[in-house]
Structure formats: structure tokens, C-alpha cells
Amino acid sequence: MNSQPRARLLVVDDEAAQMNALCETLGQQGYATTGFTSARLALECLATQEFDLVLTDVEMPLLDGIQLTRRIRKDPRFVRLPILIACDGDNVQQRWRGFDAGANYYVIK
């Protein structure tokens, strides 16, 4: 019996509880998740491992989700990698900044 390969998700959120909750919830839904509370560490991981989607918070210290998205998009290997940004519910500007940086979709936190 052949089973479908699990989609590999890279989850980035500076709040450890939020990142862990996302990884656990998505893992229960059958996704293979790897989580980081640092965008810099997520970039290092992305350089050595393959993922099917990146889910990142927008507001993070040092390197935020918009900057992370821009850095990912600069690498030709990741032109087609879907990036999903998590925005504040009422902050439309975050969504547009995310799209300008190369995000494909957004979710509201």
C-alpha cells in the first residue's frame, strides 16, 4: 500500500507557545512540521532541508516575517515555495507588505 508523502511545513513564530501549538495542531492533521522561534534559524534550516510550505508570523524581533519572505524569495531555489504569512486581523497593511515581499497567502491570527 502506497501512502501519500506528508507535506513538510516550516513554521516560524517568535512566540514559542504559538509555534508549538501550530506545529502540534498541523502535525495532528498529518503534516510533518518543523518549527523555529527565530527567522534566522529557520533560514539556516531551509538551506539544508526541503519544505513544501513556509508559515511565518509577520511580527518578530530582529528578522520579521516580511524580511524572512524577501530573503527566501531572493534564492532561486525557492521561487515556487509557497509562503503563508500570519497577520493581525485588522492590519491590512501587513497583508499587502507580505504580498509585496513575495508571500502567496495570508491567515489571520
PDB file of N, CA and C in Angstrom:
ATOM      1  N   MET A   1       0.833  -1.178   0.000  1.00  0.00           N
ATOM      2  CA  MET A   1       0.000   0.000   0.000  1.00  0.00           C
ATOM      3  C   MET A   1       0.878   1.242   0.000  1.00  0.00           C
ATOM      4  N   ASN A   2       0.684   2.127  -0.961  1.00  0.00           N
ATOM      5  CA  ASN A   2       1.414   3.378  -1.046  1.00  0.00           C
ATOM      6  C   ASN A   2       0.645   4.471  -0.331  1.00  0.00           C
ATOM      7  N   SER A   3       1.287   5.132   0.601  1.00  0.00           N
ATOM      8  CA  SER A   3       0.637   6.267   1.251  1.00  0.00           C
ATOM      9  C   SER A   3       1.216   7.547   0.668  1.00  0.00           C
ATOM     10  N   GLN A   4       0.417   8.578   0.679  1.00  0.00           N
ATOM     11  CA  GLN A   4       0.861   9.869   0.177  1.00  0.00           C
ATOM     12  C   GLN A   4       1.957  10.409   1.085  1.00  0.00           C
ATOM     13  N   PRO A   5       2.990  11.015   0.518  1.00  0.00           N
ATOM     14  CA  PRO A   5       4.006  11.632   1.370  1.00  0.00           C
ATOM     15  C   PRO A   5       3.398  12.799   2.136  1.00  0.00           C
ATOM     16  N   ARG A   6       3.837  12.969   3.342  1.00  0.00           N
ATOM     17  CA  ARG A   6       3.336  14.068   4.164  1.00  0.00           C
ATOM     18  C   ARG A   6       3.950  15.378   3.706  1.00  0.00           C
ATOM     19  N   ALA A   7       3.144  16.409   3.625  1.00  0.00           N
ATOM     20  CA  ALA A   7       3.661  17.735   3.299  1.00  0.00           C
ATOM     21  C   ALA A   7       4.523  18.223   4.456  1.00  0.00           C
ATOM     22  N   ARG A   8       5.668  18.808   4.108  1.00  0.00           N
ATOM     23  CA  ARG A   8       6.620  19.298   5.099  1.00  0.00           C
ATOM     24  C   ARG A   8       6.447  20.802   5.263  1.00  0.00           C
ATOM     25  N   LEU A   9       6.099  21.232   6.475  1.00  0.00           N
ATOM     26  CA  LEU A   9       5.837  22.630   6.749  1.00  0.00           C
ATOM     27  C   LEU A   9       6.904  23.212   7.666  1.00  0.00           C
ATOM     28  N   LEU A  10       7.389  24.387   7.301  1.00  0.00           N
ATOM     29  CA  LEU A  10       8.312  25.141   8.147  1.00  0.00           C
ATOM     30  C   LEU A  10       7.491  26.229   8.826  1.00  0.00           C
ATOM     31  N   VAL A  11       7.403  26.169  10.153  1.00  0.00           N
ATOM     32  CA  VAL A  11       6.594  27.096  10.933  1.00  0.00           C
ATOM     33  C   VAL A  11       7.528  28.024  11.702  1.00  0.00           C
ATOM     34  N   VAL A  12       7.319  29.347  11.557  1.00  0.00           N
ATOM     35  CA  VAL A  12       8.186  30.324  12.208  1.00  0.00           C
ATOM     36  C   VAL A  12       7.323  31.320  12.982  1.00  0.00           C
ATOM     37  N   ASP A  13       7.518  31.357  14.293  1.00  0.00           N
ATOM     38  CA  ASP A  13       6.801  32.305  15.153  1.00  0.00           C
ATOM     39  C   ASP A  13       7.666  32.536  16.379  1.00  0.00           C
ATOM     40  N   ASP A  14       7.933  33.792  16.707  1.00  0.00           N
ATOM     41  CA  ASP A  14       8.808  34.096  17.829  1.00  0.00           C
ATOM     42  C   ASP A  14       8.204  33.722  19.178  1.00  0.00           C
ATOM     43  N   GLU A  15       6.911  33.533  19.240  1.00  0.00           N
ATOM     44  CA  GLU A  15       6.266  33.087  20.484  1.00  0.00           C
ATOM     45  C   GLU A  15       6.278  31.559  20.500  1.00  0.00           C
ATOM     46  N   ALA A  16       7.074  30.994  21.406  1.00  0.00           N
ATOM     47  CA  ALA A  16       7.263  29.544  21.451  1.00  0.00           C
ATOM     48  C   ALA A  16       5.942  28.800  21.620  1.00  0.00           C
ATOM     49  N   ALA A  17       5.062  29.309  22.467  1.00  0.00           N
ATOM     50  CA  ALA A  17       3.785  28.628  22.697  1.00  0.00           C
ATOM     51  C   ALA A  17       2.956  28.590  21.416  1.00  0.00           C
ATOM     52  N   GLN A  18       2.946  29.685  20.679  1.00  0.00           N
ATOM     53  CA  GLN A  18       2.194  29.759  19.422  1.00  0.00           C
ATOM     54  C   GLN A  18       2.801  28.808  18.387  1.00  0.00           C
ATOM     55  N   MET A  19       4.129  28.832  18.267  1.00  0.00           N
ATOM     56  CA  MET A  19       4.812  27.972  17.303  1.00  0.00           C
ATOM     57  C   MET A  19       4.568  26.500  17.629  1.00  0.00           C
ATOM     58  N   ASN A  20       4.683  26.147  18.912  1.00  0.00           N
ATOM     59  CA  ASN A  20       4.450  24.760  19.324  1.00  0.00           C
ATOM     60  C   ASN A  20       3.009  24.335  19.072  1.00  0.00           C
ATOM     61  N   ALA A  21       2.061  25.223  19.357  1.00  0.00           N
ATOM     62  CA  ALA A  21       0.649  24.909  19.129  1.00  0.00           C
ATOM     63  C   ALA A  21       0.371  24.691  17.645  1.00  0.00           C
ATOM     64  N   LEU A  22       0.939  25.532  16.800  1.00  0.00           N
ATOM     65  CA  LEU A  22       0.767  25.367  15.351  1.00  0.00           C
ATOM     66  C   LEU A  22       1.365  24.043  14.884  1.00  0.00           C
ATOM     67  N   CYS A  23       2.571  23.754  15.327  1.00  0.00           N
ATOM     68  CA  CYS A  23       3.222  22.504  14.922  1.00  0.00           C
ATOM     69  C   CYS A  23       2.420  21.291  15.389  1.00  0.00           C
ATOM     70  N   GLU A  24       1.939  21.342  16.618  1.00  0.00           N
ATOM     71  CA  GLU A  24       1.173  20.215  17.152  1.00  0.00           C
ATOM     72  C   GLU A  24      -0.149  20.044  16.403  1.00  0.00           C
ATOM     73  N   THR A  25      -0.863  21.131  16.206  1.00  0.00           N
ATOM     74  CA  THR A  25      -2.155  21.063  15.513  1.00  0.00           C
ATOM     75  C   THR A  25      -1.989  20.584  14.079  1.00  0.00           C
ATOM     76  N   LEU A  26      -1.027  21.140  13.372  1.00  0.00           N
ATOM     77  CA  LEU A  26      -0.788  20.737  11.990  1.00  0.00           C
ATOM     78  C   LEU A  26      -0.265  19.296  11.918  1.00  0.00           C
ATOM     79  N   GLY A  27       0.532  18.908  12.890  1.00  0.00           N
ATOM     80  CA  GLY A  27       1.016  17.525  12.948  1.00  0.00           C
ATOM     81  C   GLY A  27      -0.124  16.538  13.130  1.00  0.00           C
ATOM     82  N   GLN A  28      -1.105  16.910  13.937  1.00  0.00           N
ATOM     83  CA  GLN A  28      -2.273  16.059  14.138  1.00  0.00           C
ATOM     84  C   GLN A  28      -3.103  15.922  12.865  1.00  0.00           C
ATOM     85  N   GLN A  29      -2.952  16.894  11.971  1.00  0.00           N
ATOM     86  CA  GLN A  29      -3.670  16.854  10.700  1.00  0.00           C
ATOM     87  C   GLN A  29      -2.872  16.115   9.622  1.00  0.00           C
ATOM     88  N   GLY A  30      -1.715  15.562   9.998  1.00  0.00           N
ATOM     89  CA  GLY A  30      -0.951  14.747   9.072  1.00  0.00           C
ATOM     90  C   GLY A  30       0.232  15.431   8.405  1.00  0.00           C
ATOM     91  N   TYR A  31       0.510  16.668   8.785  1.00  0.00           N
ATOM     92  CA  TYR A  31       1.659  17.361   8.203  1.00  0.00           C
ATOM     93  C   TYR A  31       2.919  17.090   9.011  1.00  0.00           C
ATOM     94  N   ALA A  32       4.046  17.083   8.347  1.00  0.00           N
ATOM     95  CA  ALA A  32       5.344  16.990   9.016  1.00  0.00           C
ATOM     96  C   ALA A  32       5.810  18.413   9.270  1.00  0.00           C
ATOM     97  N   THR A  33       5.915  18.804  10.529  1.00  0.00           N
ATOM     98  CA  THR A  33       6.238  20.193  10.856  1.00  0.00           C
ATOM     99  C   THR A  33       7.611  20.316  11.490  1.00  0.00           C
ATOM    100  N   THR A  34       8.257  21.419  11.171  1.00  0.00           N
ATOM    101  CA  THR A  34       9.492  21.821  11.822  1.00  0.00           C
ATOM    102  C   THR A  34       9.290  23.262  12.227  1.00  0.00           C
ATOM    103  N   GLY A  35       9.508  23.583  13.491  1.00  0.00           N
ATOM    104  CA  GLY A  35       9.233  24.929  13.972  1.00  0.00           C
ATOM    105  C   GLY A  35      10.447  25.621  14.542  1.00  0.00           C
ATOM    106  N   PHE A  36      10.437  26.940  14.393  1.00  0.00           N
ATOM    107  CA  PHE A  36      11.502  27.784  14.938  1.00  0.00           C
ATOM    108  C   PHE A  36      10.904  29.058  15.511  1.00  0.00           C
ATOM    109  N   THR A  37      11.533  29.569  16.558  1.00  0.00           N
ATOM    110  CA  THR A  37      11.143  30.861  17.109  1.00  0.00           C
ATOM    111  C   THR A  37      12.052  31.971  16.587  1.00  0.00           C
ATOM    112  N   SER A  38      12.952  31.643  15.705  1.00  0.00           N
ATOM    113  CA  SER A  38      13.893  32.591  15.115  1.00  0.00           C
ATOM    114  C   SER A  38      13.873  32.453  13.590  1.00  0.00           C
ATOM    115  N   ALA A  39      13.665  33.569  12.915  1.00  0.00           N
ATOM    116  CA  ALA A  39      13.681  33.545  11.452  1.00  0.00           C
ATOM    117  C   ALA A  39      15.073  33.194  10.933  1.00  0.00           C
ATOM    118  N   ARG A  40      16.097  33.625  11.628  1.00  0.00           N
ATOM    119  CA  ARG A  40      17.464  33.302  11.197  1.00  0.00           C
ATOM    120  C   ARG A  40      17.718  31.795  11.239  1.00  0.00           C
ATOM    121  N   LEU A  41      17.271  31.147  12.300  1.00  0.00           N
ATOM    122  CA  LEU A  41      17.431  29.690  12.389  1.00  0.00           C
ATOM    123  C   LEU A  41      16.592  28.985  11.334  1.00  0.00           C
ATOM    124  N   ALA A  42      15.418  29.535  11.057  1.00  0.00           N
ATOM    125  CA  ALA A  42      14.574  28.956  10.008  1.00  0.00           C
ATOM    126  C   ALA A  42      15.267  29.037   8.652  1.00  0.00           C
ATOM    127  N   LEU A  43      15.928  30.150   8.365  1.00  0.00           N
ATOM    128  CA  LEU A  43      16.671  30.284   7.106  1.00  0.00           C
ATOM    129  C   LEU A  43      17.806  29.268   7.026  1.00  0.00           C
ATOM    130  N   GLU A  44      18.509  29.057   8.129  1.00  0.00           N
ATOM    131  CA  GLU A  44      19.586  28.063   8.150  1.00  0.00           C
ATOM    132  C   GLU A  44      19.029  26.670   7.868  1.00  0.00           C
ATOM    133  N   CYS A  45      17.900  26.353   8.451  1.00  0.00           N
ATOM    134  CA  CYS A  45      17.277  25.051   8.231  1.00  0.00           C
ATOM    135  C   CYS A  45      16.821  24.913   6.784  1.00  0.00           C
ATOM    136  N   LEU A  46      16.249  25.963   6.244  1.00  0.00           N
ATOM    137  CA  LEU A  46      15.757  25.947   4.865  1.00  0.00           C
ATOM    138  C   LEU A  46      16.896  25.704   3.871  1.00  0.00           C
ATOM    139  N   ALA A  47      18.091  26.110   4.237  1.00  0.00           N
ATOM    140  CA  ALA A  47      19.247  25.910   3.361  1.00  0.00           C
ATOM    141  C   ALA A  47      19.653  24.441   3.270  1.00  0.00           C
ATOM    142  N   THR A  48      19.252  23.635   4.261  1.00  0.00           N
ATOM    143  CA  THR A  48      19.699  22.241   4.286  1.00  0.00           C
ATOM    144  C   THR A  48      18.571  21.217   4.181  1.00  0.00           C
ATOM    145  N   GLN A  49      17.329  21.664   4.337  1.00  0.00           N
ATOM    146  CA  GLN A  49      16.196  20.744   4.287  1.00  0.00           C
ATOM    147  C   GLN A  49      15.153  21.260   3.301  1.00  0.00           C
ATOM    148  N   GLU A  50      14.368  20.344   2.756  1.00  0.00           N
ATOM    149  CA  GLU A  50      13.317  20.726   1.819  1.00  0.00           C
ATOM    150  C   GLU A  50      11.981  20.834   2.540  1.00  0.00           C
ATOM    151  N   PHE A  51      11.206  21.839   2.151  1.00  0.00           N
ATOM    152  CA  PHE A  51       9.880  22.052   2.708  1.00  0.00           C
ATOM    153  C   PHE A  51       8.899  22.303   1.564  1.00  0.00           C
ATOM    154  N   ASP A  52       7.636  22.030   1.844  1.00  0.00           N
ATOM    155  CA  ASP A  52       6.580  22.240   0.865  1.00  0.00           C
ATOM    156  C   ASP A  52       5.844  23.551   1.082  1.00  0.00           C
ATOM    157  N   LEU A  53       6.013  24.160   2.272  1.00  0.00           N
ATOM    158  CA  LEU A  53       5.339  25.411   2.586  1.00  0.00           C
ATOM    159  C   LEU A  53       6.010  26.042   3.786  1.00  0.00           C
ATOM    160  N   VAL A  54       6.045  27.375   3.798  1.00  0.00           N
ATOM    161  CA  VAL A  54       6.526  28.129   4.953  1.00  0.00           C
ATOM    162  C   VAL A  54       5.336  28.895   5.519  1.00  0.00           C
ATOM    163  N   LEU A  55       5.135  28.776   6.824  1.00  0.00           N
ATOM    164  CA  LEU A  55       4.118  29.542   7.542  1.00  0.00           C
ATOM    165  C   LEU A  55       4.858  30.406   8.545  1.00  0.00           C
ATOM    166  N   THR A  56       4.783  31.732   8.372  1.00  0.00           N
ATOM    167  CA  THR A  56       5.533  32.623   9.244  1.00  0.00           C
ATOM    168  C   THR A  56       4.664  33.726   9.817  1.00  0.00           C
ATOM    169  N   ASP A  57       4.933  34.047  11.068  1.00  0.00           N
ATOM    170  CA  ASP A  57       4.335  35.205  11.702  1.00  0.00           C
ATOM    171  C   ASP A  57       4.937  36.444  11.050  1.00  0.00           C
ATOM    172  N   VAL A  58       4.195  37.534  11.037  1.00  0.00           N
ATOM    173  CA  VAL A  58       4.725  38.765  10.465  1.00  0.00           C
ATOM    174  C   VAL A  58       5.581  39.503  11.488  1.00  0.00           C
ATOM    175  N   GLU A  59       5.059  39.688  12.684  1.00  0.00           N
ATOM    176  CA  GLU A  59       5.752  40.494  13.684  1.00  0.00           C
ATOM    177  C   GLU A  59       6.670  39.631  14.533  1.00  0.00           C
ATOM    178  N   MET A  60       7.977  39.785  14.295  1.00  0.00           N
ATOM    179  CA  MET A  60       9.000  39.079  15.059  1.00  0.00           C
ATOM    180  C   MET A  60      10.188  40.015  15.228  1.00  0.00           C
ATOM    181  N   PRO A  61      10.935  39.871  16.321  1.00  0.00           N
ATOM    182  CA  PRO A  61      12.108  40.736  16.508  1.00  0.00           C
ATOM    183  C   PRO A  61      13.261  40.337  15.582  1.00  0.00           C
ATOM    184  N   LEU A  62      14.167  41.244  15.400  1.00  0.00           N
ATOM    185  CA  LEU A  62      15.384  41.071  14.610  1.00  0.00           C
ATOM    186  C   LEU A  62      15.105  40.865  13.118  1.00  0.00           C
ATOM    187  N   LEU A  63      14.465  39.783  12.762  1.00  0.00           N
ATOM    188  CA  LEU A  63      14.145  39.484  11.366  1.00  0.00           C
ATOM    189  C   LEU A  63      12.665  39.105  11.333  1.00  0.00           C
ATOM    190  N   ASP A  64      11.826  40.007  10.809  1.00  0.00           N
ATOM    191  CA  ASP A  64      10.386  39.737  10.842  1.00  0.00           C
ATOM    192  C   ASP A  64       9.964  38.876   9.653  1.00  0.00           C
ATOM    193  N   GLY A  65       8.691  38.520   9.615  1.00  0.00           N
ATOM    194  CA  GLY A  65       8.182  37.636   8.576  1.00  0.00           C
ATOM    195  C   GLY A  65       8.259  38.216   7.177  1.00  0.00           C
ATOM    196  N   ILE A  66       8.159  39.543   7.058  1.00  0.00           N
ATOM    197  CA  ILE A  66       8.287  40.196   5.756  1.00  0.00           C
ATOM    198  C   ILE A  66       9.727  40.072   5.262  1.00  0.00           C
ATOM    199  N   GLN A  67      10.682  40.356   6.137  1.00  0.00           N
ATOM    200  CA  GLN A  67      12.094  40.230   5.775  1.00  0.00           C
ATOM    201  C   GLN A  67      12.449  38.780   5.469  1.00  0.00           C
ATOM    202  N   LEU A  68      11.908  37.863   6.256  1.00  0.00           N
ATOM    203  CA  LEU A  68      12.138  36.438   6.008  1.00  0.00           C
ATOM    204  C   LEU A  68      11.630  36.058   4.627  1.00  0.00           C
ATOM    205  N   THR A  69      10.449  36.504   4.292  1.00  0.00           N
ATOM    206  CA  THR A  69       9.877  36.214   2.973  1.00  0.00           C
ATOM    207  C   THR A  69      10.759  36.764   1.864  1.00  0.00           C
ATOM    208  N   ARG A  70      11.233  37.987   2.017  1.00  0.00           N
ATOM    209  CA  ARG A  70      12.118  38.582   0.997  1.00  0.00           C
ATOM    210  C   ARG A  70      13.396  37.766   0.826  1.00  0.00           C
ATOM    211  N   ARG A  71      13.978  37.346   1.927  1.00  0.00           N
ATOM    212  CA  ARG A  71      15.225  36.561   1.847  1.00  0.00           C
ATOM    213  C   ARG A  71      14.987  35.211   1.180  1.00  0.00           C
ATOM    214  N   ILE A  72      13.874  34.594   1.500  1.00  0.00           N
ATOM    215  CA  ILE A  72      13.555  33.309   0.862  1.00  0.00           C
ATOM    216  C   ILE A  72      13.391  33.511  -0.638  1.00  0.00           C
ATOM    217  N   ARG A  73      12.678  34.555  -1.038  1.00  0.00           N
ATOM    218  CA  ARG A  73      12.409  34.797  -2.459  1.00  0.00           C
ATOM    219  C   ARG A  73      13.662  35.175  -3.247  1.00  0.00           C
ATOM    220  N   LYS A  74      14.698  35.663  -2.583  1.00  0.00           N
ATOM    221  CA  LYS A  74      15.946  36.001  -3.283  1.00  0.00           C
ATOM    222  C   LYS A  74      16.673  34.764  -3.785  1.00  0.00           C
ATOM    223  N   ASP A  75      16.399  33.636  -3.169  1.00  0.00           N
ATOM    224  CA  ASP A  75      17.068  32.390  -3.542  1.00  0.00           C
ATOM    225  C   ASP A  75      16.268  31.725  -4.673  1.00  0.00           C
ATOM    226  N   PRO A  76      16.865  31.532  -5.839  1.00  0.00           N
ATOM    227  CA  PRO A  76      16.138  30.948  -6.974  1.00  0.00           C
ATOM    228  C   PRO A  76      15.559  29.564  -6.698  1.00  0.00           C
ATOM    229  N   ARG A  77      16.117  28.835  -5.732  1.00  0.00           N
ATOM    230  CA  ARG A  77      15.574  27.509  -5.402  1.00  0.00           C
ATOM    231  C   ARG A  77      14.175  27.588  -4.811  1.00  0.00           C
ATOM    232  N   PHE A  78      13.830  28.750  -4.264  1.00  0.00           N
ATOM    233  CA  PHE A  78      12.571  28.871  -3.524  1.00  0.00           C
ATOM    234  C   PHE A  78      11.537  29.760  -4.209  1.00  0.00           C
ATOM    235  N   VAL A  79      11.709  29.982  -5.501  1.00  0.00           N
ATOM    236  CA  VAL A  79      10.778  30.842  -6.232  1.00  0.00           C
ATOM    237  C   VAL A  79       9.351  30.296  -6.155  1.00  0.00           C
ATOM    238  N   ARG A  80       9.218  28.987  -6.183  1.00  0.00           N
ATOM    239  CA  ARG A  80       7.877  28.373  -6.180  1.00  0.00           C
ATOM    240  C   ARG A  80       7.435  27.858  -4.812  1.00  0.00           C
ATOM    241  N   LEU A  81       8.240  28.052  -3.798  1.00  0.00           N
ATOM    242  CA  LEU A  81       7.886  27.604  -2.454  1.00  0.00           C
ATOM    243  C   LEU A  81       6.754  28.478  -1.911  1.00  0.00           C
ATOM    244  N   PRO A  82       5.599  27.898  -1.605  1.00  0.00           N
ATOM    245  CA  PRO A  82       4.504  28.706  -1.069  1.00  0.00           C
ATOM    246  C   PRO A  82       4.856  29.262   0.313  1.00  0.00           C
ATOM    247  N   ILE A  83       4.547  30.533   0.498  1.00  0.00           N
ATOM    248  CA  ILE A  83       4.775  31.194   1.777  1.00  0.00           C
ATOM    249  C   ILE A  83       3.445  31.770   2.255  1.00  0.00           C
ATOM    250  N   LEU A  84       3.091  31.407   3.467  1.00  0.00           N
ATOM    251  CA  LEU A  84       1.852  31.833   4.100  1.00  0.00           C
ATOM    252  C   LEU A  84       2.236  32.691   5.293  1.00  0.00           C
ATOM    253  N   ILE A  85       1.728  33.925   5.350  1.00  0.00           N
ATOM    254  CA  ILE A  85       2.048  34.807   6.465  1.00  0.00           C
ATOM    255  C   ILE A  85       0.849  34.900   7.409  1.00  0.00           C
ATOM    256  N   ALA A  86       1.143  34.976   8.689  1.00  0.00           N
ATOM    257  CA  ALA A  86       0.107  35.117   9.709  1.00  0.00           C
ATOM    258  C   ALA A  86       0.080  36.574  10.158  1.00  0.00           C
ATOM    259  N   CYS A  87      -1.046  37.239   9.916  1.00  0.00           N
ATOM    260  CA  CYS A  87      -1.191  38.676  10.173  1.00  0.00           C
ATOM    261  C   CYS A  87      -2.173  38.935  11.304  1.00  0.00           C
ATOM    262  N   ASP A  88      -2.072  40.134  11.873  1.00  0.00           N
ATOM    263  CA  ASP A  88      -3.094  40.586  12.804  1.00  0.00           C
ATOM    264  C   ASP A  88      -4.383  40.780  12.026  1.00  0.00           C
ATOM    265  N   GLY A  89      -5.496  40.493  12.650  1.00  0.00           N
ATOM    266  CA  GLY A  89      -6.784  40.524  11.974  1.00  0.00           C
ATOM    267  C   GLY A  89      -7.142  41.838  11.313  1.00  0.00           C
ATOM    268  N   ASP A  90      -6.806  42.944  11.935  1.00  0.00           N
ATOM    269  CA  ASP A  90      -7.234  44.233  11.409  1.00  0.00           C
ATOM    270  C   ASP A  90      -6.125  44.990  10.679  1.00  0.00           C
ATOM    271  N   ASN A  91      -5.007  44.350  10.432  1.00  0.00           N
ATOM    272  CA  ASN A  91      -3.880  45.043   9.831  1.00  0.00           C
ATOM    273  C   ASN A  91      -3.746  44.690   8.346  1.00  0.00           C
ATOM    274  N   VAL A  92      -4.460  45.420   7.511  1.00  0.00           N
ATOM    275  CA  VAL A  92      -4.427  45.191   6.066  1.00  0.00           C
ATOM    276  C   VAL A  92      -3.052  45.522   5.502  1.00  0.00           C
ATOM    277  N   GLN A  93      -2.385  46.501   6.096  1.00  0.00           N
ATOM    278  CA  GLN A  93      -1.051  46.886   5.623  1.00  0.00           C
ATOM    279  C   GLN A  93      -0.073  45.718   5.720  1.00  0.00           C
ATOM    280  N   GLN A  94      -0.172  44.913   6.783  1.00  0.00           N
ATOM    281  CA  GLN A  94       0.704  43.738   6.915  1.00  0.00           C
ATOM    282  C   GLN A  94       0.495  42.787   5.740  1.00  0.00           C
ATOM    283  N   ARG A  95      -0.742  42.580   5.371  1.00  0.00           N
ATOM    284  CA  ARG A  95      -1.041  41.674   4.250  1.00  0.00           C
ATOM    285  C   ARG A  95      -0.397  42.173   2.966  1.00  0.00           C
ATOM    286  N   TRP A  96      -0.563  43.449   2.667  1.00  0.00           N
ATOM    287  CA  TRP A  96      -0.010  43.998   1.428  1.00  0.00           C
ATOM    288  C   TRP A  96       1.508  43.982   1.440  1.00  0.00           C
ATOM    289  N   ARG A  97       2.099  44.281   2.598  1.00  0.00           N
ATOM    290  CA  ARG A  97       3.559  44.198   2.701  1.00  0.00           C
ATOM    291  C   ARG A  97       4.024  42.765   2.464  1.00  0.00           C
ATOM    292  N   GLY A  98       3.273  41.809   2.975  1.00  0.00           N
ATOM    293  CA  GLY A  98       3.603  40.400   2.768  1.00  0.00           C
ATOM    294  C   GLY A  98       3.531  40.014   1.302  1.00  0.00           C
ATOM    295  N   PHE A  99       2.481  40.432   0.634  1.00  0.00           N
ATOM    296  CA  PHE A  99       2.342  40.137  -0.798  1.00  0.00           C
ATOM    297  C   PHE A  99       3.456  40.812  -1.599  1.00  0.00           C
ATOM    298  N   ASP A 100       3.780  42.057  -1.252  1.00  0.00           N
ATOM    299  CA  ASP A 100       4.871  42.761  -1.941  1.00  0.00           C
ATOM    300  C   ASP A 100       6.207  42.044  -1.766  1.00  0.00           C
ATOM    301  N   ALA A 101       6.376  41.391  -0.613  1.00  0.00           N
ATOM    302  CA  ALA A 101       7.626  40.676  -0.337  1.00  0.00           C
ATOM    303  C   ALA A 101       7.683  39.321  -1.033  1.00  0.00           C
ATOM    304  N   GLY A 102       6.521  38.821  -1.481  1.00  0.00           N
ATOM    305  CA  GLY A 102       6.511  37.543  -2.186  1.00  0.00           C
ATOM    306  C   GLY A 102       5.677  36.464  -1.546  1.00  0.00           C
ATOM    307  N   ALA A 103       4.917  36.801  -0.484  1.00  0.00           N
ATOM    308  CA  ALA A 103       4.042  35.803   0.135  1.00  0.00           C
ATOM    309  C   ALA A 103       2.913  35.449  -0.831  1.00  0.00           C
ATOM    310  N   ASN A 104       2.456  34.211  -0.754  1.00  0.00           N
ATOM    311  CA  ASN A 104       1.366  33.751  -1.619  1.00  0.00           C
ATOM    312  C   ASN A 104       0.002  33.919  -1.003  1.00  0.00           C
ATOM    313  N   TYR A 105      -0.069  33.741   0.305  1.00  0.00           N
ATOM    314  CA  TYR A 105      -1.339  33.750   1.021  1.00  0.00           C
ATOM    315  C   TYR A 105      -1.131  34.368   2.402  1.00  0.00           C
ATOM    316  N   TYR A 106      -2.246  34.621   3.082  1.00  0.00           N
ATOM    317  CA  TYR A 106      -2.173  35.063   4.458  1.00  0.00           C
ATOM    318  C   TYR A 106      -3.273  34.393   5.271  1.00  0.00           C
ATOM    319  N   VAL A 107      -3.047  34.295   6.572  1.00  0.00           N
ATOM    320  CA  VAL A 107      -4.065  33.871   7.511  1.00  0.00           C
ATOM    321  C   VAL A 107      -4.115  34.917   8.608  1.00  0.00           C
ATOM    322  N   ILE A 108      -5.272  35.031   9.229  1.00  0.00           N
ATOM    323  CA  ILE A 108      -5.430  35.999  10.311  1.00  0.00           C
ATOM    324  C   ILE A 108      -5.250  35.268  11.633  1.00  0.00           C
ATOM    325  N   LYS A 109      -4.417  35.862  12.475  1.00  0.00           N
ATOM    326  CA  LYS A 109      -4.176  35.262  13.804  1.00  0.00           C
ATOM    327  C   LYS A 109      -5.343  35.546  14.706  1.00  0.00           C
TER     328      LYS A 109
END
